Amino acid sequence: MSALPARPHVDAPALVKGVAMVAIAIGVGVWGALLLAPAPGKLPPAVDTGATPLHNTAPVALWFGGAALRVRVAAVGIIAADQGKGAALLSIDGAPARAYRVGQPLAPGVTLHAVGPAAVFIDQDGTVEEVALPASAGAPIRGFIPVSETPAPKP
């Protein structure tokens, strides 16, 4: 008769103790890395995912036989200066109004051409269009509005 090889003896409490120590070491390492990691800073310009630029759809529109898409511009307010210079508060394609200076692009192929006393002029692919300000209820205001001084109430 041949003798069976003896199985190695496994010490169960020592095995559990070893697994517990490894689990604790991994937990301490992971939580230490998470808690001691530096705070995220501003991304470099090449990685920053800020606002995406508007895409020029004119080539695609021309490919299908149509004209370039027109941008809808609504004038909300203006600050006019001599010789068509100044700034305007404009809403582009229904978006919230933003301030633009003369010569600044509003969208691809669209720039603020000039600012007049009652309208702005938009250059859209070489065509200058006039966009009037909405009619106000009162007379137009020119310059600063004087405010009368009121005495402070006495206690």
Protein backbone atom coordinates (compact mmCIF):
# COMPACT_ATOMS: atom_id res chain seq x y z
CA MET A 1 0.00 0.00 0.00
CA SER A 2 1.16 3.41 -0.83
CA ALA A 3 0.77 6.31 1.53
CA LEU A 4 -1.25 9.35 0.49
CA PRO A 5 0.65 12.62 0.48
CA ALA A 6 -0.17 14.76 3.47
CA ARG A 7 -2.14 17.90 2.84
CA PRO A 8 -0.60 21.08 4.15
CA HIS A 9 -2.27 22.36 7.29
CA VAL A 10 -3.97 25.75 6.88
CA ASP A 11 -4.24 27.84 9.99
CA ALA A 12 -7.68 29.49 9.50
CA PRO A 13 -7.26 32.24 12.13
CA ALA A 14 -3.90 33.26 10.65
CA LEU A 15 -5.38 33.32 7.12
CA VAL A 16 -8.30 35.53 8.23
CA LYS A 17 -5.85 37.81 10.08
CA GLY A 18 -3.68 38.15 6.94
CA VAL A 19 -6.65 38.92 4.66
CA ALA A 20 -7.92 41.50 7.18
CA MET A 21 -4.51 43.22 7.28
CA VAL A 22 -4.35 43.38 3.46
CA ALA A 23 -7.90 44.82 3.33
CA ILE A 24 -7.04 47.45 5.94
CA ALA A 25 -3.84 48.42 4.07
CA ILE A 26 -5.76 48.80 0.77
CA GLY A 27 -8.49 50.86 2.51
CA VAL A 28 -5.96 53.17 4.15
CA GLY A 29 -4.14 53.62 0.83
CA VAL A 30 -7.29 54.43 -1.16
CA TRP A 31 -8.75 56.82 1.43
CA GLY A 32 -5.36 58.45 1.95
CA ALA A 33 -5.04 59.08 -1.78
CA LEU A 34 -8.58 60.50 -1.96
CA LEU A 35 -8.32 62.74 1.09
CA LEU A 36 -4.78 63.99 0.49
CA ALA A 37 -5.13 64.62 -3.27
CA PRO A 38 -4.56 68.23 -4.36
CA ALA A 39 -7.62 70.36 -5.12
CA PRO A 40 -8.42 70.54 -8.84
CA GLY A 41 -7.31 73.83 -10.35
CA LYS A 42 -8.10 75.62 -13.57
CA LEU A 43 -7.50 73.49 -16.63
CA PRO A 44 -4.85 74.58 -19.15
CA PRO A 45 -6.32 76.23 -22.28
CA ALA A 46 -5.71 73.15 -24.43
CA VAL A 47 -7.81 70.97 -22.11
CA ASP A 48 -10.45 73.53 -21.10
CA THR A 49 -13.92 72.64 -22.36
CA GLY A 50 -15.44 76.12 -22.24
CA ALA A 51 -18.15 77.39 -24.55
CA THR A 52 -18.05 75.76 -27.94
CA PRO A 53 -17.60 78.16 -30.85
CA LEU A 54 -20.47 78.69 -33.23
CA HIS A 55 -20.17 76.67 -36.41
CA ASN A 56 -20.38 78.26 -39.82
CA THR A 57 -23.23 76.49 -41.63
CA ALA A 58 -22.99 78.59 -44.79
CA PRO A 59 -20.98 76.00 -46.81
CA VAL A 60 -23.50 73.27 -46.02
CA ALA A 61 -26.43 75.51 -46.92
CA LEU A 62 -24.77 76.44 -50.21
CA TRP A 63 -24.08 72.77 -50.91
CA PHE A 64 -27.81 72.05 -50.80
CA GLY A 65 -28.56 75.04 -53.02
CA GLY A 66 -29.75 77.42 -50.34
CA ALA A 67 -28.45 80.76 -49.20
CA ALA A 68 -26.48 81.15 -45.99
CA LEU A 69 -28.60 80.99 -42.85
CA ARG A 70 -29.62 84.38 -41.54
CA VAL A 71 -29.00 85.34 -37.91
CA ARG A 72 -31.88 87.02 -36.08
CA VAL A 73 -30.68 90.09 -34.18
CA ALA A 74 -32.85 92.14 -31.80
CA ALA A 75 -31.58 95.47 -30.45
CA VAL A 76 -32.34 96.00 -26.77
CA GLY A 77 -30.27 99.12 -26.05
CA ILE A 78 -27.53 101.28 -27.51
CA ILE A 79 -24.79 103.68 -26.55
CA ALA A 80 -24.17 105.76 -29.66
CA ALA A 81 -21.05 107.83 -30.31
CA ASP A 82 -19.79 109.97 -33.19
CA GLN A 83 -19.24 108.42 -36.63
CA GLY A 84 -21.20 105.21 -35.93
CA LYS A 85 -19.00 104.11 -33.04
CA GLY A 86 -20.42 102.89 -29.77
CA ALA A 87 -21.87 99.75 -28.27
CA ALA A 88 -25.17 97.92 -28.35
CA LEU A 89 -27.06 95.46 -26.19
CA LEU A 90 -28.16 92.74 -28.64
CA SER A 91 -30.05 89.47 -28.48
CA ILE A 92 -28.79 86.94 -31.05
CA ASP A 93 -31.28 84.26 -32.20
CA GLY A 94 -33.42 84.70 -29.09
CA ALA A 95 -30.53 84.28 -26.62
CA PRO A 96 -30.18 86.58 -23.59
CA ALA A 97 -28.92 90.05 -24.53
CA ARG A 98 -25.17 90.76 -24.42
CA ALA A 99 -23.13 93.90 -24.99
CA TYR A 100 -21.18 94.24 -28.27
CA ARG A 101 -18.86 96.98 -29.60
CA VAL A 102 -18.74 98.15 -33.20
CA GLY A 103 -16.66 95.71 -35.26
CA GLN A 104 -17.11 92.82 -32.83
CA PRO A 105 -18.38 89.54 -34.36
CA LEU A 106 -21.88 88.46 -33.30
CA ALA A 107 -21.76 85.07 -35.07
CA PRO A 108 -19.69 83.59 -37.92
CA GLY A 109 -19.98 86.03 -40.83
CA VAL A 110 -21.98 88.56 -38.78
CA THR A 111 -20.51 91.72 -37.20
CA LEU A 112 -21.83 94.88 -35.58
CA HIS A 113 -21.19 97.41 -38.36
CA ALA A 114 -22.33 100.68 -36.74
CA VAL A 115 -24.51 102.14 -34.00
CA GLY A 116 -26.88 105.01 -34.77
CA PRO A 117 -29.11 107.11 -32.49
CA ALA A 118 -32.17 104.86 -32.97
CA ALA A 119 -30.86 101.70 -34.65
CA VAL A 120 -27.89 99.40 -35.09
CA PHE A 121 -26.43 98.28 -38.40
CA ILE A 122 -25.46 94.62 -38.77
CA ASP A 123 -23.10 93.35 -41.49
CA GLN A 124 -24.24 89.84 -42.36
CA ASP A 125 -22.08 88.24 -45.08
CA GLY A 126 -21.43 91.59 -46.77
CA THR A 127 -25.03 92.86 -46.54
CA VAL A 128 -25.59 95.70 -44.08
CA GLU A 129 -29.02 95.64 -42.44
CA GLU A 130 -30.63 98.15 -40.09
CA VAL A 131 -32.14 96.84 -36.85
CA ALA A 132 -34.28 99.47 -35.12
CA LEU A 133 -34.69 99.75 -31.39
CA PRO A 134 -38.13 98.88 -30.05
CA ALA A 135 -40.44 101.91 -29.68
CA SER A 136 -40.48 103.24 -26.14
CA ALA A 137 -43.56 104.57 -24.37
CA GLY A 138 -42.06 107.98 -23.63
CA ALA A 139 -39.86 110.41 -25.49
CA PRO A 140 -36.32 109.29 -26.29
CA ILE A 141 -33.83 110.00 -23.52
CA ARG A 142 -30.71 111.84 -24.58
CA GLY A 143 -27.75 111.96 -22.23
CA PHE A 144 -28.01 111.59 -18.49
CA ILE A 145 -31.27 111.83 -16.56
CA PRO A 146 -31.10 114.46 -13.79
CA VAL A 147 -32.28 113.19 -10.43
CA SER A 148 -33.65 115.66 -7.88
CA GLU A 149 -32.24 115.48 -4.42
CA THR A 150 -34.68 114.36 -1.77
CA PRO A 151 -33.95 115.07 1.85
CA ALA A 152 -33.31 112.04 4.05
CA PRO A 153 -36.15 111.24 6.47
CA LYS A 154 -35.53 112.42 10.01
CA PRO A 155 -35.66 109.79 12.72
